[in-house]
PDB file of N, CA and C in Angstrom:
ATOM      1  N   MET A   1     -66.151  33.882  -1.759  1.00  0.00           N
ATOM      2  CA  MET A   1     -66.769  32.750  -2.429  1.00  0.00           C
ATOM      3  C   MET A   1     -65.681  31.975  -3.175  1.00  0.00           C
ATOM      4  N   HIS A   2     -65.690  30.686  -3.043  1.00  0.00           N
ATOM      5  CA  HIS A   2     -64.717  29.816  -3.697  1.00  0.00           C
ATOM      6  C   HIS A   2     -64.908  29.848  -5.215  1.00  0.00           C
ATOM      7  N   THR A   3     -63.828  29.710  -5.961  1.00  0.00           N
ATOM      8  CA  THR A   3     -63.871  29.777  -7.425  1.00  0.00           C
ATOM      9  C   THR A   3     -64.857  28.774  -8.011  1.00  0.00           C
ATOM     10  N   THR A   4     -64.855  27.556  -7.492  1.00  0.00           N
ATOM     11  CA  THR A   4     -65.760  26.525  -8.006  1.00  0.00           C
ATOM     12  C   THR A   4     -67.213  26.959  -7.858  1.00  0.00           C
ATOM     13  N   ASN A   5     -67.536  27.520  -6.712  1.00  0.00           N
ATOM     14  CA  ASN A   5     -68.897  27.981  -6.446  1.00  0.00           C
ATOM     15  C   ASN A   5     -69.278  29.102  -7.416  1.00  0.00           C
ATOM     16  N   ARG A   6     -68.371  30.052  -7.604  1.00  0.00           N
ATOM     17  CA  ARG A   6     -68.643  31.198  -8.490  1.00  0.00           C
ATOM     18  C   ARG A   6     -68.830  30.731  -9.930  1.00  0.00           C
ATOM     19  N   VAL A   7     -67.949  29.853 -10.385  1.00  0.00           N
ATOM     20  CA  VAL A   7     -68.050  29.349 -11.763  1.00  0.00           C
ATOM     21  C   VAL A   7     -69.346  28.571 -11.951  1.00  0.00           C
ATOM     22  N   SER A   8     -69.700  27.756 -10.976  1.00  0.00           N
ATOM     23  CA  SER A   8     -70.947  26.977 -11.057  1.00  0.00           C
ATOM     24  C   SER A   8     -72.162  27.890 -11.143  1.00  0.00           C
ATOM     25  N   ARG A   9     -72.204  28.903 -10.293  1.00  0.00           N
ATOM     26  CA  ARG A   9     -73.335  29.841 -10.300  1.00  0.00           C
ATOM     27  C   ARG A   9     -73.415  30.600 -11.625  1.00  0.00           C
ATOM     28  N   ASN A  10     -72.257  31.039 -12.135  1.00  0.00           N
ATOM     29  CA  ASN A  10     -72.247  31.745 -13.414  1.00  0.00           C
ATOM     30  C   ASN A  10     -72.690  30.843 -14.555  1.00  0.00           C
ATOM     31  N   PHE A  11     -72.289  29.586 -14.501  1.00  0.00           N
ATOM     32  CA  PHE A  11     -72.708  28.648 -15.539  1.00  0.00           C
ATOM     33  C   PHE A  11     -74.223  28.509 -15.538  1.00  0.00           C
ATOM     34  N   VAL A  12     -74.802  28.289 -14.363  1.00  0.00           N
ATOM     35  CA  VAL A  12     -76.259  28.118 -14.267  1.00  0.00           C
ATOM     36  C   VAL A  12     -76.965  29.388 -14.738  1.00  0.00           C
ATOM     37  N   LYS A  13     -76.433  30.536 -14.372  1.00  0.00           N
ATOM     38  CA  LYS A  13     -77.034  31.812 -14.780  1.00  0.00           C
ATOM     39  C   LYS A  13     -77.010  31.970 -16.310  1.00  0.00           C
ATOM     40  N   ASN A  14     -75.909  31.564 -16.933  1.00  0.00           N
ATOM     41  CA  ASN A  14     -75.751  31.755 -18.381  1.00  0.00           C
ATOM     42  C   ASN A  14     -76.324  30.632 -19.241  1.00  0.00           C
ATOM     43  N   HIS A  15     -76.327  29.395 -18.710  1.00  0.00           N
ATOM     44  CA  HIS A  15     -76.722  28.250 -19.540  1.00  0.00           C
ATOM     45  C   HIS A  15     -77.896  27.445 -18.990  1.00  0.00           C
ATOM     46  N   GLY A  16     -78.225  27.654 -17.730  1.00  0.00           N
ATOM     47  CA  GLY A  16     -79.360  26.944 -17.130  1.00  0.00           C
ATOM     48  C   GLY A  16     -78.955  25.707 -16.353  1.00  0.00           C
ATOM     49  N   ARG A  17     -79.862  25.316 -15.456  1.00  0.00           N
ATOM     50  CA  ARG A  17     -79.622  24.141 -14.601  1.00  0.00           C
ATOM     51  C   ARG A  17     -79.534  22.840 -15.373  1.00  0.00           C
ATOM     52  N   SER A  18     -80.373  22.678 -16.380  1.00  0.00           N
ATOM     53  CA  SER A  18     -80.386  21.399 -17.103  1.00  0.00           C
ATOM     54  C   SER A  18     -79.065  21.176 -17.844  1.00  0.00           C
ATOM     55  N   LYS A  19     -78.499  22.235 -18.434  1.00  0.00           N
ATOM     56  CA  LYS A  19     -77.208  22.083 -19.121  1.00  0.00           C
ATOM     57  C   LYS A  19     -76.084  21.873 -18.104  1.00  0.00           C
ATOM     58  N   TYR A  20     -76.203  22.498 -16.936  1.00  0.00           N
ATOM     59  CA  TYR A  20     -75.199  22.294 -15.889  1.00  0.00           C
ATOM     60  C   TYR A  20     -75.204  20.834 -15.435  1.00  0.00           C
ATOM     61  N   ARG A  21     -76.390  20.314 -15.188  1.00  0.00           N
ATOM     62  CA  ARG A  21     -76.523  18.911 -14.784  1.00  0.00           C
ATOM     63  C   ARG A  21     -75.995  17.985 -15.877  1.00  0.00           C
ATOM     64  N   ALA A  22     -76.333  18.296 -17.134  1.00  0.00           N
ATOM     65  CA  ALA A  22     -75.865  17.473 -18.257  1.00  0.00           C
ATOM     66  C   ALA A  22     -74.342  17.514 -18.365  1.00  0.00           C
ATOM     67  N   MET A  23     -73.757  18.701 -18.164  1.00  0.00           N
ATOM     68  CA  MET A  23     -72.306  18.814 -18.240  1.00  0.00           C
ATOM     69  C   MET A  23     -71.641  18.019 -17.119  1.00  0.00           C
ATOM     70  N   LEU A  24     -72.155  18.131 -15.901  1.00  0.00           N
ATOM     71  CA  LEU A  24     -71.573  17.385 -14.790  1.00  0.00           C
ATOM     72  C   LEU A  24     -71.653  15.882 -15.027  1.00  0.00           C
ATOM     73  N   THR A  25     -72.777  15.434 -15.554  1.00  0.00           N
ATOM     74  CA  THR A  25     -72.933  14.014 -15.866  1.00  0.00           C
ATOM     75  C   THR A  25     -71.922  13.589 -16.926  1.00  0.00           C
ATOM     76  N   ALA A  26     -71.778  14.409 -17.964  1.00  0.00           N
ATOM     77  CA  ALA A  26     -70.829  14.099 -19.031  1.00  0.00           C
ATOM     78  C   ALA A  26     -69.389  14.106 -18.515  1.00  0.00           C
ATOM     79  N   LEU A  27     -69.072  15.035 -17.633  1.00  0.00           N
ATOM     80  CA  LEU A  27     -67.723  15.071 -17.056  1.00  0.00           C
ATOM     81  C   LEU A  27     -67.453  13.830 -16.225  1.00  0.00           C
ATOM     82  N   GLN A  28     -68.443  13.404 -15.466  1.00  0.00           N
ATOM     83  CA  GLN A  28     -68.272  12.190 -14.662  1.00  0.00           C
ATOM     84  C   GLN A  28     -68.065  10.963 -15.542  1.00  0.00           C
ATOM     85  N   LYS A  29     -68.716  10.948 -16.693  1.00  0.00           N
ATOM     86  CA  LYS A  29     -68.572   9.827 -17.626  1.00  0.00           C
ATOM     87  C   LYS A  29     -67.324   9.955 -18.489  1.00  0.00           C
ATOM     88  N   GLN A  30     -66.578  11.033 -18.281  1.00  0.00           N
ATOM     89  CA  GLN A  30     -65.355  11.327 -19.031  1.00  0.00           C
ATOM     90  C   GLN A  30     -65.605  11.408 -20.533  1.00  0.00           C
ATOM     91  N   GLU A  31     -66.708  12.072 -20.871  1.00  0.00           N
ATOM     92  CA  GLU A  31     -67.023  12.312 -22.281  1.00  0.00           C
ATOM     93  C   GLU A  31     -65.953  13.185 -22.913  1.00  0.00           C
ATOM     94  N   ASN A  32     -65.842  13.087 -24.221  1.00  0.00           N
ATOM     95  CA  ASN A  32     -64.928  13.905 -24.998  1.00  0.00           C
ATOM     96  C   ASN A  32     -65.294  15.382 -24.837  1.00  0.00           C
ATOM     97  N   GLY A  33     -64.273  16.245 -24.711  1.00  0.00           N
ATOM     98  CA  GLY A  33     -64.503  17.673 -24.524  1.00  0.00           C
ATOM     99  C   GLY A  33     -65.308  18.307 -25.640  1.00  0.00           C
ATOM    100  N   GLN A  34     -65.088  17.865 -26.891  1.00  0.00           N
ATOM    101  CA  GLN A  34     -65.826  18.433 -28.012  1.00  0.00           C
ATOM    102  C   GLN A  34     -67.297  18.048 -27.950  1.00  0.00           C
ATOM    103  N   VAL A  35     -67.584  16.850 -27.498  1.00  0.00           N
ATOM    104  CA  VAL A  35     -68.970  16.402 -27.351  1.00  0.00           C
ATOM    105  C   VAL A  35     -69.685  17.272 -26.316  1.00  0.00           C
ATOM    106  N   ILE A  36     -69.015  17.520 -25.206  1.00  0.00           N
ATOM    107  CA  ILE A  36     -69.600  18.360 -24.155  1.00  0.00           C
ATOM    108  C   ILE A  36     -69.783  19.780 -24.672  1.00  0.00           C
ATOM    109  N   ALA A  37     -68.779  20.291 -25.371  1.00  0.00           N
ATOM    110  CA  ALA A  37     -68.855  21.651 -25.911  1.00  0.00           C
ATOM    111  C   ALA A  37     -70.050  21.807 -26.841  1.00  0.00           C
ATOM    112  N   ASP A  38     -70.235  20.848 -27.728  1.00  0.00           N
ATOM    113  CA  ASP A  38     -71.373  20.900 -28.648  1.00  0.00           C
ATOM    114  C   ASP A  38     -72.696  20.823 -27.897  1.00  0.00           C
ATOM    115  N   MET A  39     -72.729  20.029 -26.850  1.00  0.00           N
ATOM    116  CA  MET A  39     -73.949  19.826 -26.078  1.00  0.00           C
ATOM    117  C   MET A  39     -74.386  21.116 -25.373  1.00  0.00           C
ATOM    118  N   ILE A  40     -73.421  21.869 -24.829  1.00  0.00           N
ATOM    119  CA  ILE A  40     -73.798  23.060 -24.063  1.00  0.00           C
ATOM    120  C   ILE A  40     -73.593  24.362 -24.823  1.00  0.00           C
ATOM    121  N   GLY A  41     -73.009  24.290 -26.015  1.00  0.00           N
ATOM    122  CA  GLY A  41     -72.871  25.480 -26.850  1.00  0.00           C
ATOM    123  C   GLY A  41     -71.714  26.386 -26.484  1.00  0.00           C
ATOM    124  N   VAL A  42     -70.587  25.796 -26.086  1.00  0.00           N
ATOM    125  CA  VAL A  42     -69.381  26.569 -25.781  1.00  0.00           C
ATOM    126  C   VAL A  42     -68.198  25.943 -26.530  1.00  0.00           C
ATOM    127  N   SER A  43     -67.031  26.566 -26.422  1.00  0.00           N
ATOM    128  CA  SER A  43     -65.841  26.027 -27.081  1.00  0.00           C
ATOM    129  C   SER A  43     -65.257  24.857 -26.280  1.00  0.00           C
ATOM    130  N   ARG A  44     -64.463  24.058 -26.957  1.00  0.00           N
ATOM    131  CA  ARG A  44     -63.789  22.949 -26.286  1.00  0.00           C
ATOM    132  C   ARG A  44     -62.826  23.483 -25.220  1.00  0.00           C
ATOM    133  N   GLU A  45     -62.203  24.624 -25.500  1.00  0.00           N
ATOM    134  CA  GLU A  45     -61.311  25.249 -24.516  1.00  0.00           C
ATOM    135  C   GLU A  45     -62.072  25.638 -23.256  1.00  0.00           C
ATOM    136  N   ARG A  46     -63.279  26.145 -23.406  1.00  0.00           N
ATOM    137  CA  ARG A  46     -64.097  26.505 -22.247  1.00  0.00           C
ATOM    138  C   ARG A  46     -64.422  25.254 -21.429  1.00  0.00           C
ATOM    139  N   VAL A  47     -64.696  24.152 -22.107  1.00  0.00           N
ATOM    140  CA  VAL A  47     -64.970  22.894 -21.389  1.00  0.00           C
ATOM    141  C   VAL A  47     -63.736  22.476 -20.600  1.00  0.00           C
ATOM    142  N   ARG A  48     -62.560  22.619 -21.197  1.00  0.00           N
ATOM    143  CA  ARG A  48     -61.328  22.277 -20.495  1.00  0.00           C
ATOM    144  C   ARG A  48     -61.188  23.133 -19.234  1.00  0.00           C
ATOM    145  N   GLN A  49     -61.530  24.404 -19.339  1.00  0.00           N
ATOM    146  CA  GLN A  49     -61.467  25.293 -18.177  1.00  0.00           C
ATOM    147  C   GLN A  49     -62.477  24.861 -17.114  1.00  0.00           C
ATOM    148  N   TYR A  50     -63.681  24.483 -17.546  1.00  0.00           N
ATOM    149  CA  TYR A  50     -64.671  23.984 -16.585  1.00  0.00           C
ATOM    150  C   TYR A  50     -64.147  22.733 -15.891  1.00  0.00           C
ATOM    151  N   LYS A  51     -63.548  21.828 -16.654  1.00  0.00           N
ATOM    152  CA  LYS A  51     -62.999  20.597 -16.070  1.00  0.00           C
ATOM    153  C   LYS A  51     -61.982  20.919 -14.988  1.00  0.00           C
ATOM    154  N   ASP A  52     -61.081  21.841 -15.283  1.00  0.00           N
ATOM    155  CA  ASP A  52     -60.037  22.200 -14.318  1.00  0.00           C
ATOM    156  C   ASP A  52     -60.607  22.857 -13.071  1.00  0.00           C
ATOM    157  N   THR A  53     -61.677  23.602 -13.219  1.00  0.00           N
ATOM    158  CA  THR A  53     -62.252  24.347 -12.096  1.00  0.00           C
ATOM    159  C   THR A  53     -63.215  23.504 -11.276  1.00  0.00           C
ATOM    160  N   LEU A  54     -63.981  22.655 -11.932  1.00  0.00           N
ATOM    161  CA  LEU A  54     -65.068  21.960 -11.247  1.00  0.00           C
ATOM    162  C   LEU A  54     -64.687  20.598 -10.663  1.00  0.00           C
ATOM    163  N   GLY A  55     -63.533  20.086 -11.005  1.00  0.00           N
ATOM    164  CA  GLY A  55     -63.178  18.772 -10.487  1.00  0.00           C
ATOM    165  C   GLY A  55     -61.699  18.490 -10.611  1.00  0.00           C
ATOM    166  N   ASP A  56     -61.343  17.307 -10.223  1.00  0.00           N
ATOM    167  CA  ASP A  56     -59.964  16.843 -10.328  1.00  0.00           C
ATOM    168  C   ASP A  56     -59.841  15.970 -11.559  1.00  0.00           C
ATOM    169  N   THR A  57     -58.768  16.151 -12.268  1.00  0.00           N
ATOM    170  CA  THR A  57     -58.518  15.293 -13.417  1.00  0.00           C
ATOM    171  C   THR A  57     -57.311  14.429 -13.113  1.00  0.00           C
ATOM    172  N   THR A  58     -57.386  13.194 -13.516  1.00  0.00           N
ATOM    173  CA  THR A  58     -56.259  12.275 -13.338  1.00  0.00           C
ATOM    174  C   THR A  58     -55.861  11.734 -14.688  1.00  0.00           C
ATOM    175  N   TYR A  59     -54.630  11.363 -14.779  1.00  0.00           N
ATOM    176  CA  TYR A  59     -54.123  10.832 -16.034  1.00  0.00           C
ATOM    177  C   TYR A  59     -53.297   9.616 -15.708  1.00  0.00           C
ATOM    178  N   ASN A  60     -53.721   8.465 -16.209  1.00  0.00           N
ATOM    179  CA  ASN A  60     -53.014   7.220 -15.972  1.00  0.00           C
ATOM    180  C   ASN A  60     -52.193   6.869 -17.205  1.00  0.00           C
ATOM    181  N   LEU A  61     -50.906   6.701 -17.014  1.00  0.00           N
ATOM    182  CA  LEU A  61     -50.031   6.348 -18.127  1.00  0.00           C
ATOM    183  C   LEU A  61     -50.069   4.851 -18.382  1.00  0.00           C
ATOM    184  N   HIS A  62     -49.975   4.491 -19.638  1.00  0.00           N
ATOM    185  CA  HIS A  62     -49.853   3.087 -20.004  1.00  0.00           C
ATOM    186  C   HIS A  62     -48.446   2.619 -19.673  1.00  0.00           C
ATOM    187  N   GLY A  63     -48.309   1.370 -19.335  1.00  0.00           N
ATOM    188  CA  GLY A  63     -47.006   0.812 -19.001  1.00  0.00           C
ATOM    189  C   GLY A  63     -45.983   0.994 -20.104  1.00  0.00           C
ATOM    190  N   GLN A  64     -46.439   0.910 -21.366  1.00  0.00           N
ATOM    191  CA  GLN A  64     -45.529   1.055 -22.493  1.00  0.00           C
ATOM    192  C   GLN A  64     -44.893   2.438 -22.503  1.00  0.00           C
ATOM    193  N   SER A  65     -45.643   3.459 -22.131  1.00  0.00           N
ATOM    194  CA  SER A  65     -45.114   4.826 -22.090  1.00  0.00           C
ATOM    195  C   SER A  65     -43.973   4.920 -21.094  1.00  0.00           C
ATOM    196  N   LEU A  66     -44.169   4.341 -19.949  1.00  0.00           N
ATOM    197  CA  LEU A  66     -43.138   4.375 -18.918  1.00  0.00           C
ATOM    198  C   LEU A  66     -41.931   3.543 -19.334  1.00  0.00           C
ATOM    199  N   GLU A  67     -42.165   2.432 -20.003  1.00  0.00           N
ATOM    200  CA  GLU A  67     -41.058   1.570 -20.432  1.00  0.00           C
ATOM    201  C   GLU A  67     -40.140   2.301 -21.396  1.00  0.00           C
ATOM    202  N   VAL A  68     -40.704   3.100 -22.305  1.00  0.00           N
ATOM    203  CA  VAL A  68     -39.884   3.869 -23.236  1.00  0.00           C
ATOM    204  C   VAL A  68     -38.995   4.841 -22.456  1.00  0.00           C
ATOM    205  N   PHE A  69     -39.549   5.492 -21.454  1.00  0.00           N
ATOM    206  CA  PHE A  69     -38.766   6.406 -20.623  1.00  0.00           C
ATOM    207  C   PHE A  69     -37.648   5.660 -19.923  1.00  0.00           C
ATOM    208  N   HIS A  70     -37.970   4.540 -19.301  1.00  0.00           N
ATOM    209  CA  HIS A  70     -36.969   3.786 -18.548  1.00  0.00           C
ATOM    210  C   HIS A  70     -35.881   3.236 -19.468  1.00  0.00           C
ATOM    211  N   ALA A  71     -36.277   2.777 -20.650  1.00  0.00           N
ATOM    212  CA  ALA A  71     -35.292   2.258 -21.608  1.00  0.00           C
ATOM    213  C   ALA A  71     -34.339   3.371 -22.037  1.00  0.00           C
ATOM    214  N   HIS A  72     -34.874   4.542 -22.327  1.00  0.00           N
ATOM    215  CA  HIS A  72     -34.033   5.675 -22.716  1.00  0.00           C
ATOM    216  C   HIS A  72     -33.082   6.037 -21.576  1.00  0.00           C
ATOM    217  N   HIS A  73     -33.613   6.061 -20.373  1.00  0.00           N
ATOM    218  CA  HIS A  73     -32.806   6.403 -19.201  1.00  0.00           C
ATOM    219  C   HIS A  73     -31.685   5.386 -19.010  1.00  0.00           C
ATOM    220  N   ARG A  74     -32.002   4.082 -19.154  1.00  0.00           N
ATOM    221  CA  ARG A  74     -30.987   3.025 -19.025  1.00  0.00           C
ATOM    222  C   ARG A  74     -29.900   3.196 -20.074  1.00  0.00           C
ATOM    223  N   ASP A  75     -30.304   3.437 -21.336  1.00  0.00           N
ATOM    224  CA  ASP A  75     -29.334   3.605 -22.417  1.00  0.00           C
ATOM    225  C   ASP A  75     -28.424   4.807 -22.141  1.00  0.00           C
ATOM    226  N   HIS A  76     -29.019   5.895 -21.718  1.00  0.00           N
ATOM    227  CA  HIS A  76     -28.253   7.098 -21.434  1.00  0.00           C
ATOM    228  C   HIS A  76     -27.264   6.864 -20.299  1.00  0.00           C
ATOM    229  N   TRP A  77     -27.709   6.163 -19.274  1.00  0.00           N
ATOM    230  CA  TRP A  77     -26.880   5.870 -18.123  1.00  0.00           C
ATOM    231  C   TRP A  77     -25.706   4.975 -18.514  1.00  0.00           C
ATOM    232  N   GLU A  78     -25.977   3.949 -19.312  1.00  0.00           N
ATOM    233  CA  GLU A  78     -24.921   3.026 -19.725  1.00  0.00           C
ATOM    234  C   GLU A  78     -23.894   3.721 -20.611  1.00  0.00           C
ATOM    235  N   LYS A  79     -24.321   4.584 -21.508  1.00  0.00           N
ATOM    236  CA  LYS A  79     -23.384   5.320 -22.369  1.00  0.00           C
ATOM    237  C   LYS A  79     -22.501   6.239 -21.538  1.00  0.00           C
ATOM    238  N   GLY A  80     -23.039   6.821 -20.494  1.00  0.00           N
ATOM    239  CA  GLY A  80     -22.285   7.725 -19.641  1.00  0.00           C
ATOM    240  C   GLY A  80     -21.244   7.006 -18.796  1.00  0.00           C
ATOM    241  N   LYS A  81     -21.462   5.726 -18.526  1.00  0.00           N
ATOM    242  CA  LYS A  81     -20.535   4.960 -17.690  1.00  0.00           C
ATOM    243  C   LYS A  81     -19.278   4.555 -18.456  1.00  0.00           C
ATOM    244  N   ARG A  82     -19.366   4.530 -19.789  1.00  0.00           N
ATOM    245  CA  ARG A  82     -18.233   4.046 -20.580  1.00  0.00           C
ATOM    246  C   ARG A  82     -17.156   5.067 -20.685  1.00  0.00           C
TER     247      ARG A  82
END
């Protein structure tokens, strides 16, 4: 049995179908982990584990974050050339 399937079945067994459905809906809406944790009665860390097991997470960086990296890299490169 695949891990996702096992975790899903255990969740339903321990918390019920309605909380499972609510959690999946909240995950799709990208709700805050603490909000989900409070809703289903588990820790925020447990929600993070559910997120990792039940779906894919993506993280989009802001352009400013990348610019700081590139600026640092340029400065480092220029200092090394001298």
